[in-house]
């Protein structure tokens, strides 16, 4: 009897919690309502344009494309992750190109 009572109570609480959970916004509404995401994608595009002048890493543009696709699908968290990754790779590619432009050879003594 106690087992049935606790099982029924747990089921009722679970169903009540599910009924109160907020629904996910539609894809177009989620994509349009994130100025931070738009700024992150714009920053990635700017850094990629600068990195193309000195040497771009292989997957950087793929990450930007993935961010744009995720934004179109309404997956803002995933889009933000890919936009930040594209920006980071573009910045690192620029730093690498600057470091390798005038290499300094050092021999151990």
PDB file of N, CA and C in Angstrom:
ATOM      1  N   UNK A   1       0.811  -1.190   0.000  1.00  0.00           N
ATOM      2  CA  UNK A   1       0.000   0.000   0.000  1.00  0.00           C
ATOM      3  C   UNK A   1       0.859   1.260   0.000  1.00  0.00           C
ATOM      4  N   UNK A   2       1.913   1.269   0.860  1.00  0.00           N
ATOM      5  CA  UNK A   2       2.791   2.432   0.923  1.00  0.00           C
ATOM      6  C   UNK A   2       3.515   2.628  -0.405  1.00  0.00           C
ATOM      7  N   UNK A   3       3.919   1.530  -1.008  1.00  0.00           N
ATOM      8  CA  UNK A   3       4.638   1.598  -2.276  1.00  0.00           C
ATOM      9  C   UNK A   3       3.755   2.218  -3.356  1.00  0.00           C
ATOM     10  N   UNK A   4       2.504   1.830  -3.405  1.00  0.00           N
ATOM     11  CA  UNK A   4       1.570   2.369  -4.395  1.00  0.00           C
ATOM     12  C   UNK A   4       1.328   3.857  -4.149  1.00  0.00           C
ATOM     13  N   UNK A   5       1.207   4.231  -2.874  1.00  0.00           N
ATOM     14  CA  UNK A   5       0.987   5.636  -2.541  1.00  0.00           C
ATOM     15  C   UNK A   5       2.159   6.495  -3.004  1.00  0.00           C
ATOM     16  N   UNK A   6       3.394   6.079  -2.682  1.00  0.00           N
ATOM     17  CA  UNK A   6       4.574   6.863  -3.050  1.00  0.00           C
ATOM     18  C   UNK A   6       4.785   6.893  -4.562  1.00  0.00           C
ATOM     19  N   UNK A   7       4.480   5.821  -5.211  1.00  0.00           N
ATOM     20  CA  UNK A   7       4.594   5.782  -6.669  1.00  0.00           C
ATOM     21  C   UNK A   7       3.596   6.736  -7.313  1.00  0.00           C
ATOM     22  N   UNK A   8       2.374   6.746  -6.810  1.00  0.00           N
ATOM     23  CA  UNK A   8       1.348   7.655  -7.325  1.00  0.00           C
ATOM     24  C   UNK A   8       1.724   9.109  -7.046  1.00  0.00           C
ATOM     25  N   UNK A   9       2.245   9.384  -5.861  1.00  0.00           N
ATOM     26  CA  UNK A   9       2.651  10.745  -5.507  1.00  0.00           C
ATOM     27  C   UNK A   9       3.798  11.215  -6.404  1.00  0.00           C
ATOM     28  N   UNK A  10       4.760  10.353  -6.636  1.00  0.00           N
ATOM     29  CA  UNK A  10       5.886  10.709  -7.502  1.00  0.00           C
ATOM     30  C   UNK A  10       5.421  10.971  -8.930  1.00  0.00           C
ATOM     31  N   UNK A  11       4.513  10.157  -9.412  1.00  0.00           N
ATOM     32  CA  UNK A  11       3.974  10.345 -10.757  1.00  0.00           C
ATOM     33  C   UNK A  11       3.214  11.662 -10.860  1.00  0.00           C
ATOM     34  N   UNK A  12       2.435  11.986  -9.841  1.00  0.00           N
ATOM     35  CA  UNK A  12       1.670  13.239  -9.847  1.00  0.00           C
ATOM     36  C   UNK A  12       2.603  14.446  -9.837  1.00  0.00           C
ATOM     37  N   UNK A  13       3.655  14.398  -9.034  1.00  0.00           N
ATOM     38  CA  UNK A  13       4.614  15.500  -8.996  1.00  0.00           C
ATOM     39  C   UNK A  13       5.355  15.648 -10.323  1.00  0.00           C
ATOM     40  N   UNK A  14       5.701  14.544 -10.927  1.00  0.00           N
ATOM     41  CA  UNK A  14       6.387  14.582 -12.218  1.00  0.00           C
ATOM     42  C   UNK A  14       5.513  15.204 -13.288  1.00  0.00           C
ATOM     43  N   UNK A  15       4.263  14.790 -13.334  1.00  0.00           N
ATOM     44  CA  UNK A  15       3.346  15.351 -14.324  1.00  0.00           C
ATOM     45  C   UNK A  15       3.084  16.830 -14.070  1.00  0.00           C
ATOM     46  N   UNK A  16       2.994  17.221 -12.808  1.00  0.00           N
ATOM     47  CA  UNK A  16       2.777  18.633 -12.484  1.00  0.00           C
ATOM     48  C   UNK A  16       3.988  19.469 -12.898  1.00  0.00           C
ATOM     49  N   UNK A  17       5.176  18.942 -12.696  1.00  0.00           N
ATOM     50  CA  UNK A  17       6.388  19.666 -13.084  1.00  0.00           C
ATOM     51  C   UNK A  17       6.478  19.812 -14.594  1.00  0.00           C
ATOM     52  N   UNK A  18       6.103  18.790 -15.317  1.00  0.00           N
ATOM     53  CA  UNK A  18       6.132  18.851 -16.782  1.00  0.00           C
ATOM     54  C   UNK A  18       5.118  19.850 -17.315  1.00  0.00           C
ATOM     55  N   UNK A  19       3.990  19.963 -16.655  1.00  0.00           N
ATOM     56  CA  UNK A  19       2.957  20.896 -17.105  1.00  0.00           C
ATOM     57  C   UNK A  19       3.399  22.336 -16.905  1.00  0.00           C
ATOM     58  N   UNK A  20       4.237  22.596 -15.908  1.00  0.00           N
ATOM     59  CA  UNK A  20       4.693  23.949 -15.612  1.00  0.00           C
ATOM     60  C   UNK A  20       5.952  24.333 -16.376  1.00  0.00           C
ATOM     61  N   UNK A  21       6.599  23.408 -17.058  1.00  0.00           N
ATOM     62  CA  UNK A  21       7.835  23.704 -17.776  1.00  0.00           C
ATOM     63  C   UNK A  21       7.553  24.644 -18.937  1.00  0.00           C
ATOM     64  N   UNK A  22       8.409  25.659 -19.116  1.00  0.00           N
ATOM     65  CA  UNK A  22       8.192  26.580 -20.234  1.00  0.00           C
ATOM     66  C   UNK A  22       8.471  25.882 -21.559  1.00  0.00           C
ATOM     67  N   UNK A  23       7.711  26.250 -22.554  1.00  0.00           N
ATOM     68  CA  UNK A  23       7.934  25.655 -23.864  1.00  0.00           C
ATOM     69  C   UNK A  23       9.043  26.411 -24.568  1.00  0.00           C
ATOM     70  N   UNK A  24       9.751  25.748 -25.462  1.00  0.00           N
ATOM     71  CA  UNK A  24      10.832  26.368 -26.215  1.00  0.00           C
ATOM     72  C   UNK A  24      10.239  27.320 -27.245  1.00  0.00           C
ATOM     73  N   UNK A  25      10.893  28.461 -27.473  1.00  0.00           N
ATOM     74  CA  UNK A  25      10.390  29.381 -28.484  1.00  0.00           C
ATOM     75  C   UNK A  25      10.564  28.797 -29.872  1.00  0.00           C
ATOM     76  N   UNK A  26       9.783  29.302 -30.802  1.00  0.00           N
ATOM     77  CA  UNK A  26       9.887  28.802 -32.169  1.00  0.00           C
ATOM     78  C   UNK A  26      11.235  29.182 -32.749  1.00  0.00           C
ATOM     79  N   UNK A  27      11.659  28.487 -33.786  1.00  0.00           N
ATOM     80  CA  UNK A  27      12.976  28.686 -34.367  1.00  0.00           C
ATOM     81  C   UNK A  27      13.231  30.106 -34.824  1.00  0.00           C
ATOM     82  N   UNK A  28      12.317  30.710 -35.550  1.00  0.00           N
ATOM     83  CA  UNK A  28      12.553  32.055 -36.056  1.00  0.00           C
ATOM     84  C   UNK A  28      12.536  33.086 -34.937  1.00  0.00           C
ATOM     85  N   UNK A  29      11.710  32.889 -33.936  1.00  0.00           N
ATOM     86  CA  UNK A  29      11.670  33.831 -32.825  1.00  0.00           C
ATOM     87  C   UNK A  29      12.957  33.756 -32.018  1.00  0.00           C
ATOM     88  N   UNK A  30      13.478  32.557 -31.823  1.00  0.00           N
ATOM     89  CA  UNK A  30      14.711  32.405 -31.069  1.00  0.00           C
ATOM     90  C   UNK A  30      15.882  33.003 -31.834  1.00  0.00           C
ATOM     91  N   UNK A  31      15.904  32.818 -33.131  1.00  0.00           N
ATOM     92  CA  UNK A  31      17.004  33.337 -33.928  1.00  0.00           C
ATOM     93  C   UNK A  31      16.961  34.859 -33.979  1.00  0.00           C
ATOM     94  N   UNK A  32      15.793  35.439 -34.003  1.00  0.00           N
ATOM     95  CA  UNK A  32      15.665  36.884 -34.145  1.00  0.00           C
ATOM     96  C   UNK A  32      15.838  37.618 -32.824  1.00  0.00           C
ATOM     97  N   UNK A  33      15.719  36.937 -31.694  1.00  0.00           N
ATOM     98  CA  UNK A  33      15.698  37.628 -30.412  1.00  0.00           C
ATOM     99  C   UNK A  33      17.031  37.590 -29.678  1.00  0.00           C
ATOM    100  N   UNK A  34      18.137  37.436 -30.376  1.00  0.00           N
ATOM    101  CA  UNK A  34      19.417  37.348 -29.699  1.00  0.00           C
ATOM    102  C   UNK A  34      20.434  38.323 -30.297  1.00  0.00           C
ATOM    103  N   UNK A  35      20.490  39.552 -29.783  1.00  0.00           N
ATOM    104  CA  UNK A  35      21.480  40.499 -30.302  1.00  0.00           C
ATOM    105  C   UNK A  35      22.910  40.092 -29.954  1.00  0.00           C
ATOM    106  N   UNK A  36      23.087  39.361 -28.835  1.00  0.00           N
ATOM    107  CA  UNK A  36      24.424  38.892 -28.478  1.00  0.00           C
ATOM    108  C   UNK A  36      24.946  37.914 -29.524  1.00  0.00           C
ATOM    109  N   UNK A  37      24.059  37.055 -30.004  1.00  0.00           N
ATOM    110  CA  UNK A  37      24.451  36.088 -31.026  1.00  0.00           C
ATOM    111  C   UNK A  37      24.794  36.797 -32.326  1.00  0.00           C
ATOM    112  N   UNK A  38      23.989  37.783 -32.703  1.00  0.00           N
ATOM    113  CA  UNK A  38      24.282  38.547 -33.916  1.00  0.00           C
ATOM    114  C   UNK A  38      25.639  39.234 -33.809  1.00  0.00           C
ATOM    115  N   UNK A  39      25.938  39.788 -32.641  1.00  0.00           N
ATOM    116  CA  UNK A  39      27.223  40.450 -32.427  1.00  0.00           C
ATOM    117  C   UNK A  39      28.372  39.449 -32.481  1.00  0.00           C
ATOM    118  N   UNK A  40      28.175  38.264 -31.911  1.00  0.00           N
ATOM    119  CA  UNK A  40      29.222  37.241 -31.923  1.00  0.00           C
ATOM    120  C   UNK A  40      29.513  36.771 -33.346  1.00  0.00           C
ATOM    121  N   UNK A  41      28.468  36.596 -34.144  1.00  0.00           N
ATOM    122  CA  UNK A  41      28.662  36.168 -35.531  1.00  0.00           C
ATOM    123  C   UNK A  41      29.331  37.280 -36.335  1.00  0.00           C
ATOM    124  N   UNK A  42      28.947  38.530 -36.095  1.00  0.00           N
ATOM    125  CA  UNK A  42      29.577  39.651 -36.797  1.00  0.00           C
ATOM    126  C   UNK A  42      31.054  39.770 -36.431  1.00  0.00           C
ATOM    127  N   UNK A  43      31.377  39.558 -35.160  1.00  0.00           N
ATOM    128  CA  UNK A  43      32.771  39.588 -34.725  1.00  0.00           C
ATOM    129  C   UNK A  43      33.564  38.472 -35.387  1.00  0.00           C
ATOM    130  N   UNK A  44      32.979  37.292 -35.456  1.00  0.00           N
ATOM    131  CA  UNK A  44      33.654  36.171 -36.112  1.00  0.00           C
ATOM    132  C   UNK A  44      33.907  36.477 -37.581  1.00  0.00           C
ATOM    133  N   UNK A  45      32.924  37.053 -38.254  1.00  0.00           N
ATOM    134  CA  UNK A  45      33.101  37.398 -39.669  1.00  0.00           C
ATOM    135  C   UNK A  45      34.212  38.426 -39.849  1.00  0.00           C
ATOM    136  N   UNK A  46      34.278  39.411 -38.949  1.00  0.00           N
ATOM    137  CA  UNK A  46      35.314  40.449 -39.026  1.00  0.00           C
ATOM    138  C   UNK A  46      36.702  39.847 -38.803  1.00  0.00           C
ATOM    139  N   UNK A  47      36.832  38.999 -37.797  1.00  0.00           N
ATOM    140  CA  UNK A  47      38.128  38.385 -37.502  1.00  0.00           C
ATOM    141  C   UNK A  47      38.558  37.423 -38.612  1.00  0.00           C
ATOM    142  N   UNK A  48      37.605  36.727 -39.201  1.00  0.00           N
ATOM    143  CA  UNK A  48      37.925  35.819 -40.302  1.00  0.00           C
ATOM    144  C   UNK A  48      38.414  36.613 -41.506  1.00  0.00           C
ATOM    145  N   UNK A  49      37.790  37.749 -41.782  1.00  0.00           N
ATOM    146  CA  UNK A  49      38.237  38.591 -42.896  1.00  0.00           C
ATOM    147  C   UNK A  49      39.668  39.066 -42.672  1.00  0.00           C
ATOM    148  N   UNK A  50      40.007  39.426 -41.436  1.00  0.00           N
ATOM    149  CA  UNK A  50      41.372  39.851 -41.126  1.00  0.00           C
ATOM    150  C   UNK A  50      42.343  38.678 -41.212  1.00  0.00           C
ATOM    151  N   UNK A  51      41.907  37.511 -40.770  1.00  0.00           N
ATOM    152  CA  UNK A  51      42.780  36.335 -40.792  1.00  0.00           C
ATOM    153  C   UNK A  51      43.028  35.837 -42.210  1.00  0.00           C
ATOM    154  N   UNK A  52      42.089  36.063 -43.115  1.00  0.00           N
ATOM    155  CA  UNK A  52      42.279  35.629 -44.504  1.00  0.00           C
ATOM    156  C   UNK A  52      43.465  36.335 -45.152  1.00  0.00           C
ATOM    157  N   UNK A  53      43.793  37.522 -44.689  1.00  0.00           N
ATOM    158  CA  UNK A  53      44.903  38.282 -45.256  1.00  0.00           C
ATOM    159  C   UNK A  53      46.254  37.673 -44.895  1.00  0.00           C
ATOM    160  N   UNK A  54      46.322  36.992 -43.754  1.00  0.00           N
ATOM    161  CA  UNK A  54      47.602  36.460 -43.295  1.00  0.00           C
ATOM    162  C   UNK A  54      47.655  34.936 -43.292  1.00  0.00           C
ATOM    163  N   UNK A  55      46.532  34.287 -43.373  1.00  0.00           N
ATOM    164  CA  UNK A  55      46.514  32.827 -43.371  1.00  0.00           C
ATOM    165  C   UNK A  55      45.481  32.298 -42.401  1.00  0.00           C
ATOM    166  N   UNK A  56      44.475  31.679 -42.945  1.00  0.00           N
ATOM    167  CA  UNK A  56      43.339  31.216 -42.153  1.00  0.00           C
ATOM    168  C   UNK A  56      43.494  29.737 -41.836  1.00  0.00           C
ATOM    169  N   UNK A  57      43.055  29.343 -40.669  1.00  0.00           N
ATOM    170  CA  UNK A  57      43.075  27.929 -40.322  1.00  0.00           C
ATOM    171  C   UNK A  57      41.994  27.191 -41.094  1.00  0.00           C
ATOM    172  N   UNK A  58      42.164  25.896 -41.206  1.00  0.00           N
ATOM    173  CA  UNK A  58      41.313  25.065 -42.056  1.00  0.00           C
ATOM    174  C   UNK A  58      39.833  25.083 -41.674  1.00  0.00           C
ATOM    175  N   UNK A  59      39.504  24.941 -40.410  1.00  0.00           N
ATOM    176  CA  UNK A  59      38.110  24.745 -39.998  1.00  0.00           C
ATOM    177  C   UNK A  59      37.399  26.015 -39.533  1.00  0.00           C
ATOM    178  N   UNK A  60      38.059  27.144 -39.561  1.00  0.00           N
ATOM    179  CA  UNK A  60      37.471  28.362 -39.007  1.00  0.00           C
ATOM    180  C   UNK A  60      36.181  28.747 -39.716  1.00  0.00           C
ATOM    181  N   UNK A  61      36.184  28.717 -41.034  1.00  0.00           N
ATOM    182  CA  UNK A  61      34.976  29.075 -41.780  1.00  0.00           C
ATOM    183  C   UNK A  61      33.875  28.027 -41.601  1.00  0.00           C
ATOM    184  N   UNK A  62      34.262  26.782 -41.373  1.00  0.00           N
ATOM    185  CA  UNK A  62      33.264  25.740 -41.108  1.00  0.00           C
ATOM    186  C   UNK A  62      32.521  26.036 -39.804  1.00  0.00           C
ATOM    187  N   UNK A  63      33.250  26.527 -38.808  1.00  0.00           N
ATOM    188  CA  UNK A  63      32.614  26.863 -37.526  1.00  0.00           C
ATOM    189  C   UNK A  63      31.655  28.042 -37.695  1.00  0.00           C
ATOM    190  N   UNK A  64      32.044  29.015 -38.516  1.00  0.00           N
ATOM    191  CA  UNK A  64      31.151  30.144 -38.774  1.00  0.00           C
ATOM    192  C   UNK A  64      29.884  29.674 -39.478  1.00  0.00           C
ATOM    193  N   UNK A  65      30.031  28.803 -40.455  1.00  0.00           N
ATOM    194  CA  UNK A  65      28.868  28.261 -41.180  1.00  0.00           C
ATOM    195  C   UNK A  65      27.970  27.485 -40.216  1.00  0.00           C
ATOM    196  N   UNK A  66      28.579  26.695 -39.327  1.00  0.00           N
ATOM    197  CA  UNK A  66      27.798  25.938 -38.340  1.00  0.00           C
ATOM    198  C   UNK A  66      27.046  26.890 -37.410  1.00  0.00           C
ATOM    199  N   UNK A  67      27.667  28.011 -37.052  1.00  0.00           N
ATOM    200  CA  UNK A  67      26.995  29.000 -36.200  1.00  0.00           C
ATOM    201  C   UNK A  67      25.798  29.606 -36.918  1.00  0.00           C
ATOM    202  N   UNK A  68      25.975  29.923 -38.186  1.00  0.00           N
ATOM    203  CA  UNK A  68      24.872  30.508 -38.952  1.00  0.00           C
ATOM    204  C   UNK A  68      23.738  29.502 -39.140  1.00  0.00           C
ATOM    205  N   UNK A  69      24.089  28.245 -39.386  1.00  0.00           N
ATOM    206  CA  UNK A  69      23.062  27.209 -39.541  1.00  0.00           C
ATOM    207  C   UNK A  69      22.305  26.975 -38.234  1.00  0.00           C
ATOM    208  N   UNK A  70      23.033  26.942 -37.119  1.00  0.00           N
ATOM    209  CA  UNK A  70      22.392  26.742 -35.821  1.00  0.00           C
ATOM    210  C   UNK A  70      21.493  27.927 -35.475  1.00  0.00           C
ATOM    211  N   UNK A  71      21.915  29.126 -35.836  1.00  0.00           N
ATOM    212  CA  UNK A  71      21.079  30.307 -35.595  1.00  0.00           C
ATOM    213  C   UNK A  71      19.784  30.208 -36.393  1.00  0.00           C
ATOM    214  N   UNK A  72      19.900  29.784 -37.645  1.00  0.00           N
ATOM    215  CA  UNK A  72      18.709  29.646 -38.487  1.00  0.00           C
ATOM    216  C   UNK A  72      17.758  28.583 -37.941  1.00  0.00           C
ATOM    217  N   UNK A  73      18.328  27.555 -37.290  1.00  0.00           N
ATOM    218  CA  UNK A  73      17.510  26.490 -36.716  1.00  0.00           C
ATOM    219  C   UNK A  73      16.959  26.867 -35.337  1.00  0.00           C
ATOM    220  N   UNK A  74      17.362  28.026 -34.810  1.00  0.00           N
ATOM    221  CA  UNK A  74      16.872  28.457 -33.508  1.00  0.00           C
ATOM    222  C   UNK A  74      17.661  27.911 -32.337  1.00  0.00           C
ATOM    223  N   UNK A  75      18.821  27.333 -32.593  1.00  0.00           N
ATOM    224  CA  UNK A  75      19.663  26.769 -31.528  1.00  0.00           C
ATOM    225  C   UNK A  75      20.700  27.816 -31.122  1.00  0.00           C
ATOM    226  N   UNK A  76      20.281  28.770 -30.296  1.00  0.00           N
ATOM    227  CA  UNK A  76      21.147  29.898 -29.974  1.00  0.00           C
ATOM    228  C   UNK A  76      22.382  29.502 -29.173  1.00  0.00           C
ATOM    229  N   UNK A  77      22.252  28.564 -28.249  1.00  0.00           N
ATOM    230  CA  UNK A  77      23.414  28.154 -27.455  1.00  0.00           C
ATOM    231  C   UNK A  77      24.478  27.518 -28.340  1.00  0.00           C
ATOM    232  N   UNK A  78      24.041  26.639 -29.214  1.00  0.00           N
ATOM    233  CA  UNK A  78      24.970  25.974 -30.128  1.00  0.00           C
ATOM    234  C   UNK A  78      25.585  26.989 -31.096  1.00  0.00           C
ATOM    235  N   UNK A  79      24.783  27.913 -31.585  1.00  0.00           N
ATOM    236  CA  UNK A  79      25.281  28.934 -32.508  1.00  0.00           C
ATOM    237  C   UNK A  79      26.321  29.814 -31.827  1.00  0.00           C
ATOM    238  N   UNK A  80      26.068  30.177 -30.578  1.00  0.00           N
ATOM    239  CA  UNK A  80      27.018  31.006 -29.835  1.00  0.00           C
ATOM    240  C   UNK A  80      28.329  30.263 -29.632  1.00  0.00           C
ATOM    241  N   UNK A  81      28.249  28.973 -29.340  1.00  0.00           N
ATOM    242  CA  UNK A  81      29.454  28.167 -29.145  1.00  0.00           C
ATOM    243  C   UNK A  81      30.299  28.155 -30.416  1.00  0.00           C
ATOM    244  N   UNK A  82      29.668  27.925 -31.559  1.00  0.00           N
ATOM    245  CA  UNK A  82      30.406  27.880 -32.819  1.00  0.00           C
ATOM    246  C   UNK A  82      30.939  29.261 -33.213  1.00  0.00           C
ATOM    247  N   UNK A  83      30.185  30.320 -32.951  1.00  0.00           N
ATOM    248  CA  UNK A  83      30.649  31.672 -33.282  1.00  0.00           C
ATOM    249  C   UNK A  83      31.878  32.036 -32.456  1.00  0.00           C
ATOM    250  N   UNK A  84      31.851  31.699 -31.176  1.00  0.00           N
ATOM    251  CA  UNK A  84      33.009  31.973 -30.318  1.00  0.00           C
ATOM    252  C   UNK A  84      34.218  31.157 -30.752  1.00  0.00           C
ATOM    253  N   UNK A  85      33.980  29.919 -31.152  1.00  0.00           N
ATOM    254  CA  UNK A  85      35.077  29.067 -31.609  1.00  0.00           C
ATOM    255  C   UNK A  85      35.685  29.619 -32.893  1.00  0.00           C
ATOM    256  N   UNK A  86      34.854  30.091 -33.816  1.00  0.00           N
ATOM    257  CA  UNK A  86      35.349  30.671 -35.067  1.00  0.00           C
ATOM    258  C   UNK A  86      36.158  31.934 -34.787  1.00  0.00           C
ATOM    259  N   UNK A  87      35.676  32.765 -33.882  1.00  0.00           N
ATOM    260  CA  UNK A  87      36.400  33.987 -33.526  1.00  0.00           C
ATOM    261  C   UNK A  87      37.747  33.654 -32.908  1.00  0.00           C
ATOM    262  N   UNK A  88      37.753  32.713 -31.987  1.00  0.00           N
ATOM    263  CA  UNK A  88      39.000  32.334 -31.317  1.00  0.00           C
ATOM    264  C   UNK A  88      40.014  31.795 -32.316  1.00  0.00           C
ATOM    265  N   UNK A  89      39.577  30.938 -33.229  1.00  0.00           N
ATOM    266  CA  UNK A  89      40.494  30.385 -34.218  1.00  0.00           C
ATOM    267  C   UNK A  89      41.029  31.465 -35.153  1.00  0.00           C
ATOM    268  N   UNK A  90      40.193  32.421 -35.529  1.00  0.00           N
ATOM    269  CA  UNK A  90      40.645  33.496 -36.414  1.00  0.00           C
ATOM    270  C   UNK A  90      41.690  34.369 -35.725  1.00  0.00           C
ATOM    271  N   UNK A  91      41.459  34.678 -34.453  1.00  0.00           N
ATOM    272  CA  UNK A  91      42.419  35.483 -33.697  1.00  0.00           C
ATOM    273  C   UNK A  91      43.732  34.718 -33.528  1.00  0.00           C
ATOM    274  N   UNK A  92      43.647  33.441 -33.196  1.00  0.00           N
ATOM    275  CA  UNK A  92      44.857  32.637 -33.031  1.00  0.00           C
ATOM    276  C   UNK A  92      45.618  32.483 -34.344  1.00  0.00           C
ATOM    277  N   UNK A  93      44.906  32.393 -35.458  1.00  0.00           N
ATOM    278  CA  UNK A  93      45.568  32.305 -36.762  1.00  0.00           C
ATOM    279  C   UNK A  93      46.341  33.581 -37.053  1.00  0.00           C
ATOM    280  N   UNK A  94      45.775  34.722 -36.681  1.00  0.00           N
ATOM    281  CA  UNK A  94      46.482  35.988 -36.876  1.00  0.00           C
ATOM    282  C   UNK A  94      47.729  36.060 -35.997  1.00  0.00           C
ATOM    283  N   UNK A  95      47.602  35.610 -34.756  1.00  0.00           N
ATOM    284  CA  UNK A  95      48.760  35.604 -33.853  1.00  0.00           C
ATOM    285  C   UNK A  95      49.843  34.661 -34.361  1.00  0.00           C
ATOM    286  N   UNK A  96      49.438  33.515 -34.871  1.00  0.00           N
ATOM    287  CA  UNK A  96      50.401  32.557 -35.398  1.00  0.00           C
ATOM    288  C   UNK A  96      51.129  33.147 -36.601  1.00  0.00           C
ATOM    289  N   UNK A  97      50.405  33.801 -37.486  1.00  0.00           N
ATOM    290  CA  UNK A  97      51.029  34.400 -38.666  1.00  0.00           C
ATOM    291  C   UNK A  97      52.016  35.489 -38.261  1.00  0.00           C
ATOM    292  N   UNK A  98      51.675  36.277 -37.251  1.00  0.00           N
ATOM    293  CA  UNK A  98      52.581  37.326 -36.784  1.00  0.00           C
ATOM    294  C   UNK A  98      53.829  36.726 -36.147  1.00  0.00           C
ATOM    295  N   UNK A  99      53.661  35.655 -35.409  1.00  0.00           N
ATOM    296  CA  UNK A  99      54.804  35.021 -34.752  1.00  0.00           C
ATOM    297  C   UNK A  99      55.730  34.345 -35.753  1.00  0.00           C
ATOM    298  N   UNK A 100      55.168  33.834 -36.836  1.00  0.00           N
ATOM    299  CA  UNK A 100      55.976  33.119 -37.821  1.00  0.00           C
ATOM    300  C   UNK A 100      56.488  34.020 -38.942  1.00  0.00           C
ATOM    301  N   UNK A 101      56.112  35.287 -38.937  1.00  0.00           N
ATOM    302  CA  UNK A 101      56.545  36.199 -39.995  1.00  0.00           C
ATOM    303  C   UNK A 101      58.047  36.449 -39.918  1.00  0.00           C
ATOM    304  N   UNK A 102      58.565  36.664 -38.737  1.00  0.00           N
ATOM    305  CA  UNK A 102      59.995  36.895 -38.531  1.00  0.00           C
ATOM    306  C   UNK A 102      60.485  35.935 -37.449  1.00  0.00           C
ATOM    307  N   UNK A 103      60.688  34.690 -37.822  1.00  0.00           N
ATOM    308  CA  UNK A 103      61.071  33.722 -36.791  1.00  0.00           C
ATOM    309  C   UNK A 103      62.455  34.028 -36.224  1.00  0.00           C
ATOM    310  N   UNK A 104      62.571  33.817 -34.949  1.00  0.00           N
ATOM    311  CA  UNK A 104      63.837  34.026 -34.262  1.00  0.00           C
ATOM    312  C   UNK A 104      64.360  32.650 -33.856  1.00  0.00           C
ATOM    313  N   UNK A 105      65.461  32.277 -34.455  1.00  0.00           N
ATOM    314  CA  UNK A 105      66.024  30.959 -34.188  1.00  0.00           C
ATOM    315  C   UNK A 105      66.940  31.059 -32.977  1.00  0.00           C
ATOM    316  N   UNK A 106      66.707  30.199 -32.020  1.00  0.00           N
ATOM    317  CA  UNK A 106      67.542  30.166 -30.827  1.00  0.00           C
ATOM    318  C   UNK A 106      68.087  28.759 -30.664  1.00  0.00           C
ATOM    319  N   UNK A 107      69.393  28.694 -30.482  1.00  0.00           N
ATOM    320  CA  UNK A 107      70.035  27.404 -30.268  1.00  0.00           C
ATOM    321  C   UNK A 107      70.421  27.292 -28.800  1.00  0.00           C
ATOM    322  N   UNK A 108      70.215  26.140 -28.213  1.00  0.00           N
ATOM    323  CA  UNK A 108      70.612  25.976 -26.811  1.00  0.00           C
ATOM    324  C   UNK A 108      72.135  26.010 -26.684  1.00  0.00           C
ATOM    325  N   UNK A 109      72.611  26.510 -25.575  1.00  0.00           N
ATOM    326  CA  UNK A 109      74.062  26.615 -25.353  1.00  0.00           C
ATOM    327  C   UNK A 109      74.570  25.445 -24.576  1.00  0.00           C
TER     328      UNK A 109
END
